[in-house]
Protein backbone atom coordinates (compact mmCIF):
# COMPACT_ATOMS: atom_id res chain seq x y z
CA MET A 1 -27.55 26.62 56.10
CA VAL A 2 -25.22 29.33 57.48
CA GLU A 3 -23.71 30.92 54.38
CA ARG A 4 -20.86 33.41 54.73
CA SER A 5 -19.77 36.02 52.19
CA GLY A 6 -16.98 37.44 54.32
CA TYR A 7 -15.28 37.64 57.71
CA VAL A 8 -13.96 40.38 59.97
CA ASP A 9 -10.31 40.68 60.96
CA GLY A 10 -9.30 37.99 63.43
CA GLU A 11 -12.05 35.51 62.58
CA PRO A 12 -11.04 32.00 61.52
CA CYS A 13 -12.00 32.08 57.85
CA TRP A 14 -10.30 29.17 56.09
CA ALA A 15 -8.52 25.87 56.62
CA ASP A 16 -6.47 23.83 54.22
CA LEU A 17 -4.75 20.47 54.25
CA VAL A 18 -1.33 19.44 53.00
CA ALA A 19 -1.81 15.82 51.94
CA PRO A 20 1.05 13.70 50.53
CA ASP A 21 -1.58 11.32 49.10
CA LEU A 22 -4.14 13.70 47.66
CA ALA A 23 -6.31 10.96 46.16
CA ALA A 24 -6.57 9.20 49.53
CA ALA A 25 -7.49 12.49 51.19
CA GLN A 26 -10.26 13.11 48.69
CA ARG A 27 -11.70 9.62 49.16
CA PHE A 28 -11.65 10.03 52.94
CA TYR A 29 -13.28 13.47 53.14
CA SER A 30 -15.82 12.59 50.48
CA THR A 31 -16.92 9.65 52.64
CA LEU A 32 -16.78 11.61 55.89
CA PHE A 33 -18.38 14.93 54.93
CA GLY A 34 -19.74 14.42 51.43
CA TRP A 35 -17.24 16.90 49.98
CA THR A 36 -16.69 17.25 46.25
CA PHE A 37 -13.49 18.63 44.77
CA LEU A 38 -12.28 21.14 42.19
CA ASP A 39 -8.63 21.12 41.06
CA THR A 40 -7.59 24.71 40.34
CA GLY A 41 -4.90 23.59 37.89
CA ALA A 42 -1.15 23.60 37.42
CA ASP A 43 -0.83 27.40 37.69
CA PHE A 44 -1.98 27.11 41.31
CA GLY A 45 0.03 23.99 42.16
CA HIS A 46 -3.06 21.78 41.76
CA TYR A 47 -4.59 23.33 44.86
CA VAL A 48 -7.95 21.64 45.37
CA MET A 49 -11.07 23.44 46.52
CA CYS A 50 -13.34 21.30 48.73
CA LEU A 51 -17.06 21.91 48.33
CA LYS A 52 -20.05 21.03 50.48
CA ASP A 53 -23.41 21.31 48.72
CA GLY A 54 -21.71 23.38 46.03
CA LYS A 55 -20.15 25.84 48.52
CA VAL A 56 -16.40 26.16 49.05
CA VAL A 57 -15.51 25.10 52.61
CA ALA A 58 -11.79 24.15 52.66
CA GLY A 59 -8.74 23.48 50.53
CA MET A 60 -6.14 20.78 50.09
CA SER A 61 -2.91 20.40 48.16
CA PRO A 62 0.08 18.12 47.76
CA PRO A 63 3.35 19.19 49.41
CA MET A 64 5.31 21.88 47.58
CA PRO A 65 7.96 20.63 45.12
CA GLY A 66 11.13 19.94 47.06
CA ALA A 67 9.19 19.51 50.30
CA GLU A 68 7.70 16.10 49.63
CA GLN A 69 8.50 14.96 53.18
CA THR A 70 6.23 17.62 54.69
CA PRO A 71 3.89 15.81 57.10
CA ALA A 72 0.16 16.00 56.54
CA ALA A 73 -1.50 18.75 58.55
CA TRP A 74 -4.47 21.08 58.63
CA SER A 75 -3.62 24.79 58.71
CA LEU A 76 -5.87 27.57 59.97
CA TYR A 77 -6.16 31.05 58.44
CA LEU A 78 -7.33 34.17 60.28
CA MET A 79 -8.88 37.01 58.32
CA SER A 80 -6.82 40.17 57.77
CA HIS A 81 -7.72 43.05 55.47
CA ASP A 82 -4.17 44.45 55.77
CA LEU A 83 -1.48 41.79 55.63
CA GLU A 84 1.40 44.26 55.87
CA ASP A 85 0.04 45.56 59.16
CA THR A 86 -0.54 42.00 60.37
CA ALA A 87 3.04 41.06 59.46
CA ARG A 88 4.36 44.04 61.43
CA ARG A 89 2.25 43.05 64.42
CA VAL A 90 3.51 39.46 64.22
CA ASP A 91 7.11 40.69 64.43
CA ALA A 92 6.38 43.27 67.12
CA GLY A 93 4.59 40.69 69.25
CA GLY A 94 7.44 38.19 69.26
CA GLY A 95 6.21 35.94 66.47
CA LYS A 96 7.90 35.21 63.17
CA VAL A 97 6.64 35.60 59.61
CA ILE A 98 7.80 32.51 57.71
CA VAL A 99 5.97 33.21 54.43
CA ALA A 100 5.84 36.94 53.68
CA PRO A 101 2.64 38.43 52.25
CA MET A 102 2.20 36.98 48.77
CA ASP A 103 -0.37 37.30 46.01
CA ILE A 104 -2.59 34.42 44.99
CA PRO A 105 -3.67 35.87 41.63
CA SER A 106 -7.28 37.08 41.62
CA ASN A 107 -8.05 35.16 44.83
CA GLY A 108 -6.36 37.25 47.52
CA ARG A 109 -3.15 37.39 49.52
CA MET A 110 -1.71 35.24 52.28
CA LEU A 111 1.05 35.07 54.83
CA PHE A 112 2.15 32.32 57.17
CA ALA A 113 3.62 32.86 60.62
CA LEU A 114 4.62 31.33 63.93
CA ASP A 115 3.35 32.66 67.23
CA PRO A 116 5.82 33.02 70.16
CA SER A 117 5.23 29.41 71.24
CA GLY A 118 5.87 28.04 67.73
CA ALA A 119 2.28 27.35 66.63
CA ALA A 120 1.88 28.00 62.90
CA PHE A 121 -1.05 29.90 61.42
CA GLY A 122 -1.98 31.72 58.25
CA ALA A 123 -3.60 35.08 57.59
CA TRP A 124 -5.76 35.75 54.55
CA GLU A 125 -6.49 39.06 52.83
CA PRO A 126 -9.51 38.53 50.58
CA GLY A 127 -9.84 39.11 46.89
CA GLN A 128 -12.34 37.02 44.99
CA HIS A 129 -11.86 34.30 47.60
CA THR A 130 -13.38 35.53 50.86
CA GLY A 131 -13.06 32.36 52.94
CA SER A 132 -15.30 29.40 53.66
CA GLN A 133 -18.74 29.97 52.18
CA LEU A 134 -20.34 27.86 54.93
CA PHE A 135 -19.64 28.09 58.65
CA ASP A 136 -20.81 25.92 61.55
CA GLU A 137 -22.61 23.57 59.18
CA ASP A 138 -22.05 19.83 58.76
CA GLY A 139 -18.69 19.43 57.03
CA ALA A 140 -17.66 23.08 57.42
CA LEU A 141 -15.24 24.94 59.68
CA CYS A 142 -16.90 25.86 62.99
CA TRP A 143 -14.18 26.60 65.57
CA ALA A 144 -10.43 26.75 66.11
CA GLU A 145 -8.14 26.93 69.11
CA VAL A 146 -4.43 27.25 69.66
CA ASN A 147 -2.89 24.61 71.92
CA THR A 148 0.22 25.93 73.67
CA ARG A 149 2.53 25.54 76.65
CA GLU A 150 3.00 29.33 76.88
CA PRO A 151 -0.51 30.64 77.57
CA ASP A 152 0.37 34.12 78.81
CA ALA A 153 2.71 34.88 75.91
CA VAL A 154 0.24 33.51 73.39
CA ASP A 155 -2.74 35.40 74.84
CA THR A 156 -0.73 38.63 74.73
CA PHE A 157 0.49 37.98 71.18
CA TYR A 158 -2.92 37.35 69.63
CA GLN A 159 -4.52 40.19 71.57
CA GLY A 160 -1.93 42.50 70.04
CA LEU A 161 -2.49 40.97 66.63
CA PHE A 162 -6.28 41.29 66.37
CA GLY A 163 -7.49 42.90 69.60
CA TYR A 164 -9.25 39.85 70.96
CA ARG A 165 -11.20 40.23 74.20
CA GLN A 166 -10.07 37.23 76.23
CA THR A 167 -12.23 35.49 78.83
CA ARG A 168 -11.02 32.66 81.05
CA VAL A 169 -13.69 29.96 80.89
CA GLU A 170 -11.92 27.14 82.73
CA ALA A 171 -8.84 27.29 84.91
CA ASP A 172 -7.37 24.55 87.07
CA GLU A 173 -4.32 22.32 86.99
CA GLN A 174 -5.87 20.01 84.43
CA PHE A 175 -7.76 22.39 82.14
CA ASP A 176 -6.93 26.02 81.38
CA TYR A 177 -9.00 27.52 78.56
CA THR A 178 -9.51 31.08 77.35
CA ALA A 179 -12.13 32.15 74.80
CA TRP A 180 -11.31 34.97 72.39
CA SER A 181 -13.95 37.40 71.15
CA LEU A 182 -13.95 40.40 68.83
CA GLY A 183 -15.63 43.35 70.50
CA ASN A 184 -18.83 42.28 72.22
CA ALA A 185 -19.55 39.43 69.83
CA ASP A 186 -19.56 35.73 70.69
CA PRO A 187 -16.18 33.98 70.94
CA VAL A 188 -14.52 33.16 67.61
CA ALA A 189 -11.54 31.09 68.81
CA GLY A 190 -9.83 29.81 71.92
CA ARG A 191 -6.56 29.00 73.65
CA LEU A 192 -5.93 25.74 75.51
CA THR A 193 -2.92 25.21 77.77
CA MET A 194 -1.10 21.95 77.03
CA THR A 195 -0.29 19.81 80.07
CA GLU A 196 2.10 16.89 80.61
CA ALA A 197 -0.48 14.68 78.92
CA TRP A 198 0.49 16.36 75.63
CA GLU A 199 4.13 15.21 75.85
CA GLY A 200 5.76 15.02 72.41
CA ILE A 201 3.07 17.11 70.69
CA PRO A 202 4.22 20.54 69.43
CA PRO A 203 2.12 23.70 69.84
CA HIS A 204 -0.48 23.98 67.09
CA TRP A 205 -3.81 25.36 65.97
CA MET A 206 -6.59 22.75 66.08
CA VAL A 207 -9.22 22.98 63.35
CA TYR A 208 -12.81 21.97 64.18
CA PHE A 209 -15.38 20.84 61.63
CA ALA A 210 -19.07 20.63 62.44
CA ALA A 211 -20.70 17.20 62.33
CA GLU A 212 -24.39 16.44 62.29
CA ASP A 213 -23.77 13.43 64.55
CA THR A 214 -20.29 12.99 66.00
CA ASP A 215 -20.71 9.29 66.79
CA ARG A 216 -21.82 8.42 63.27
CA ALA A 217 -19.08 10.63 61.85
CA ALA A 218 -16.52 8.79 64.00
CA ASP A 219 -17.77 5.50 62.56
CA ARG A 220 -17.24 6.91 59.06
CA VAL A 221 -13.72 7.98 60.01
CA ARG A 222 -12.88 4.39 60.93
CA SER A 223 -14.56 2.83 57.90
CA ALA A 224 -12.77 5.28 55.57
CA GLY A 225 -9.32 4.41 56.91
CA GLY A 226 -8.84 7.08 59.57
CA GLN A 227 -8.45 6.74 63.33
CA VAL A 228 -10.33 8.16 66.30
CA GLN A 229 -7.77 9.43 68.82
CA HIS A 230 -10.12 10.70 71.53
CA GLY A 231 -13.85 10.35 72.05
CA PRO A 232 -16.50 10.79 71.10
CA PHE A 233 -17.10 12.53 74.43
CA ASP A 234 -19.50 15.14 75.75
CA SER A 235 -18.38 18.69 76.52
CA PRO A 236 -20.28 21.81 77.60
CA HIS A 237 -20.21 22.92 73.96
CA GLY A 238 -21.11 19.70 72.17
CA ARG A 239 -20.05 16.13 71.48
CA ILE A 240 -16.44 15.96 70.35
CA ALA A 241 -14.08 13.52 68.63
CA VAL A 242 -10.42 14.11 67.80
CA VAL A 243 -9.51 12.12 64.71
CA VAL A 244 -6.68 11.41 62.28
CA ASP A 245 -7.14 11.09 58.52
CA PRO A 246 -5.33 8.42 56.43
CA ASN A 247 -2.48 10.86 55.68
CA GLY A 248 -1.93 11.52 59.39
CA ALA A 249 -3.54 14.96 59.69
CA VAL A 250 -5.35 15.60 62.98
CA PHE A 251 -8.60 17.55 63.32
CA THR A 252 -11.63 17.71 65.59
CA MET A 253 -15.33 17.16 64.90
CA ILE A 254 -18.14 18.52 67.04
CA SER A 255 -21.92 18.21 67.00
CA ARG A 256 -23.93 20.70 69.02
């Protein structure tokens, strides 16, 4: 079990789900990953902590009051130990801060932003909550990538934001992928260029959860009321399935 007590700046550290039907989401992810759930109460908007084997791995919440029509979606958070500096870098790099740095009492601080291509992401400054307590384990966050039609602008933006070292791993007309690393460490995230095949899909960050067996997990997705959009298929990095939960939120599973 890969337990994590913290993350360095720029690492994907957390993911949470906005779910119009919170009960349906809990049933689905309990069946899929064996998650259990802890409602943090009215003071925190009934934000729900998702646990795997007693460890916090993700969050979910209903839409904010007045925004009940918000579509279901997974959001990714990148670690930042200085949100004010991150906010300045977002603006300087051509992005837009849409939720200014705000306190989540005793837990930490967050902001939400758009990159220059319009993909939304969060940044988290830790307090008592330091991010997912498991990483790259069955039912836990294991990877994330931004899907965009503006690869050069996006690479430049995130390099300015967190200093990623960027390495082109695939490049042709059909598949253009860059891996992002921090210093000399292994890659922590990636950027995929969207082609014509992605027509109608806006730029976004894709959240990946680890699965012990992608094919069996895909079967559980179907039996629990979700849909398998793509796969399962083999890749150089593992067996992948892109799926949709019963609320309509898209995410990816991978077994290595």
